[in-house]
C-alpha cells in the first residue's frame, strides 16, 4: 500500500509539472484516476 501511495504521489507531481494550463491539470488528473481504477481492478 505504501508503494502504491508513493507511485501515485510521484505520478501526480509529474503530471503537475508536465502541464501548463488548468485544462491540462484536469486531463492529467483524469488519466491518473483511470490508472488508479485499472490498478484497483487488478488487485
N, C-alpha and C. Protein backbone atom coordinates (compact mmCIF):
# COMPACT_ATOMS: atom_id res chain seq x y z
N UNK A 1 0.82 -1.19 0.00
CA UNK A 1 0.00 0.00 0.00
C UNK A 1 0.87 1.26 0.00
N UNK A 2 1.97 1.20 0.75
CA UNK A 2 2.87 2.36 0.78
C UNK A 2 3.48 2.61 -0.60
N UNK A 3 3.81 1.52 -1.29
CA UNK A 3 4.40 1.66 -2.62
C UNK A 3 3.42 2.31 -3.57
N UNK A 4 2.16 1.86 -3.50
CA UNK A 4 1.13 2.43 -4.37
C UNK A 4 0.95 3.92 -4.09
N UNK A 5 0.93 4.29 -2.82
CA UNK A 5 0.78 5.69 -2.45
C UNK A 5 1.95 6.52 -2.97
N UNK A 6 3.15 5.98 -2.85
CA UNK A 6 4.34 6.68 -3.33
C UNK A 6 4.28 6.87 -4.84
N UNK A 7 3.90 5.83 -5.56
CA UNK A 7 3.81 5.92 -7.01
C UNK A 7 2.75 6.93 -7.44
N UNK A 8 1.62 6.93 -6.76
CA UNK A 8 0.57 7.89 -7.10
C UNK A 8 1.03 9.31 -6.83
N UNK A 9 1.73 9.52 -5.73
CA UNK A 9 2.23 10.85 -5.40
C UNK A 9 3.22 11.34 -6.45
N UNK A 10 4.13 10.47 -6.82
CA UNK A 10 5.12 10.84 -7.84
C UNK A 10 4.45 11.11 -9.19
N UNK A 11 3.48 10.29 -9.53
CA UNK A 11 2.77 10.49 -10.80
C UNK A 11 2.04 11.83 -10.80
N UNK A 12 1.42 12.15 -9.66
CA UNK A 12 0.71 13.42 -9.54
C UNK A 12 1.67 14.60 -9.70
N UNK A 13 2.82 14.52 -9.07
CA UNK A 13 3.80 15.60 -9.19
C UNK A 13 4.30 15.75 -10.62
N UNK A 14 4.55 14.63 -11.28
CA UNK A 14 5.00 14.68 -12.67
C UNK A 14 3.91 15.26 -13.57
N UNK A 15 2.67 14.90 -13.30
CA UNK A 15 1.57 15.42 -14.09
C UNK A 15 1.45 16.93 -13.93
N UNK A 16 1.62 17.41 -12.71
CA UNK A 16 1.53 18.85 -12.47
C UNK A 16 2.65 19.61 -13.16
N UNK A 17 3.84 19.04 -13.17
CA UNK A 17 4.95 19.73 -13.80
C UNK A 17 4.87 19.63 -15.32
N UNK A 18 4.12 18.66 -15.83
CA UNK A 18 4.04 18.44 -17.27
C UNK A 18 2.98 19.26 -17.97
N UNK A 19 2.09 19.90 -17.24
CA UNK A 19 1.03 20.67 -17.89
C UNK A 19 1.09 22.12 -17.44
N UNK A 20 0.66 23.01 -18.33
CA UNK A 20 0.78 24.44 -18.05
C UNK A 20 -0.56 25.14 -17.88
N UNK A 21 -1.66 24.43 -18.12
CA UNK A 21 -2.96 25.08 -18.04
C UNK A 21 -3.87 24.34 -17.09
N UNK A 22 -4.93 24.99 -16.67
CA UNK A 22 -5.92 24.35 -15.80
C UNK A 22 -6.56 23.17 -16.53
N UNK A 23 -6.82 23.33 -17.80
CA UNK A 23 -7.40 22.24 -18.59
C UNK A 23 -6.44 21.05 -18.61
N UNK A 24 -5.17 21.33 -18.74
CA UNK A 24 -4.17 20.27 -18.73
C UNK A 24 -4.13 19.53 -17.41
N UNK A 25 -4.28 20.26 -16.31
CA UNK A 25 -4.31 19.63 -14.98
C UNK A 25 -5.51 18.70 -14.90
N UNK A 26 -6.66 19.15 -15.37
CA UNK A 26 -7.86 18.31 -15.35
C UNK A 26 -7.68 17.04 -16.16
N UNK A 27 -7.08 17.16 -17.30
CA UNK A 27 -6.85 15.98 -18.15
C UNK A 27 -5.87 15.03 -17.47
N UNK A 28 -4.83 15.57 -16.87
CA UNK A 28 -3.85 14.74 -16.19
C UNK A 28 -4.47 14.02 -15.00
N UNK A 29 -5.32 14.71 -14.25
CA UNK A 29 -5.99 14.09 -13.11
C UNK A 29 -6.94 12.99 -13.58
N UNK A 30 -7.60 13.21 -14.69
CA UNK A 30 -8.50 12.20 -15.23
C UNK A 30 -7.71 10.95 -15.62
N UNK A 31 -6.58 11.13 -16.27
CA UNK A 31 -5.74 9.99 -16.65
C UNK A 31 -5.22 9.26 -15.42
N UNK A 32 -4.84 10.02 -14.40
CA UNK A 32 -4.36 9.40 -13.17
C UNK A 32 -5.48 8.58 -12.52
N UNK A 33 -6.70 9.11 -12.53
CA UNK A 33 -7.84 8.39 -11.99
C UNK A 33 -8.09 7.10 -12.74
N UNK A 34 -7.93 7.13 -14.05
CA UNK A 34 -8.12 5.92 -14.85
C UNK A 34 -7.07 4.87 -14.49
N UNK A 35 -5.84 5.29 -14.29
CA UNK A 35 -4.77 4.36 -13.91
C UNK A 35 -5.05 3.75 -12.53
N UNK A 36 -5.56 4.56 -11.62
CA UNK A 36 -5.89 4.05 -10.28
C UNK A 36 -7.00 3.00 -10.38
N UNK A 37 -8.00 3.27 -11.22
CA UNK A 37 -9.09 2.31 -11.41
C UNK A 37 -8.56 1.00 -11.98
N UNK A 38 -7.66 1.11 -12.96
CA UNK A 38 -7.08 -0.10 -13.56
C UNK A 38 -6.30 -0.90 -12.52
N UNK A 39 -5.53 -0.21 -11.69
CA UNK A 39 -4.76 -0.88 -10.67
C UNK A 39 -5.67 -1.54 -9.64
N UNK A 40 -6.77 -0.88 -9.30
CA UNK A 40 -7.70 -1.44 -8.33
C UNK A 40 -8.39 -2.69 -8.87
N UNK A 41 -8.67 -2.70 -10.16
CA UNK A 41 -9.33 -3.87 -10.77
C UNK A 41 -8.39 -5.08 -10.80
N UNK A 42 -7.10 -4.84 -10.89
CA UNK A 42 -6.13 -5.93 -10.93
C UNK A 42 -5.94 -6.59 -9.58
N UNK A 43 -6.20 -5.84 -8.51
CA UNK A 43 -5.98 -6.36 -7.15
C UNK A 43 -7.09 -7.21 -6.70
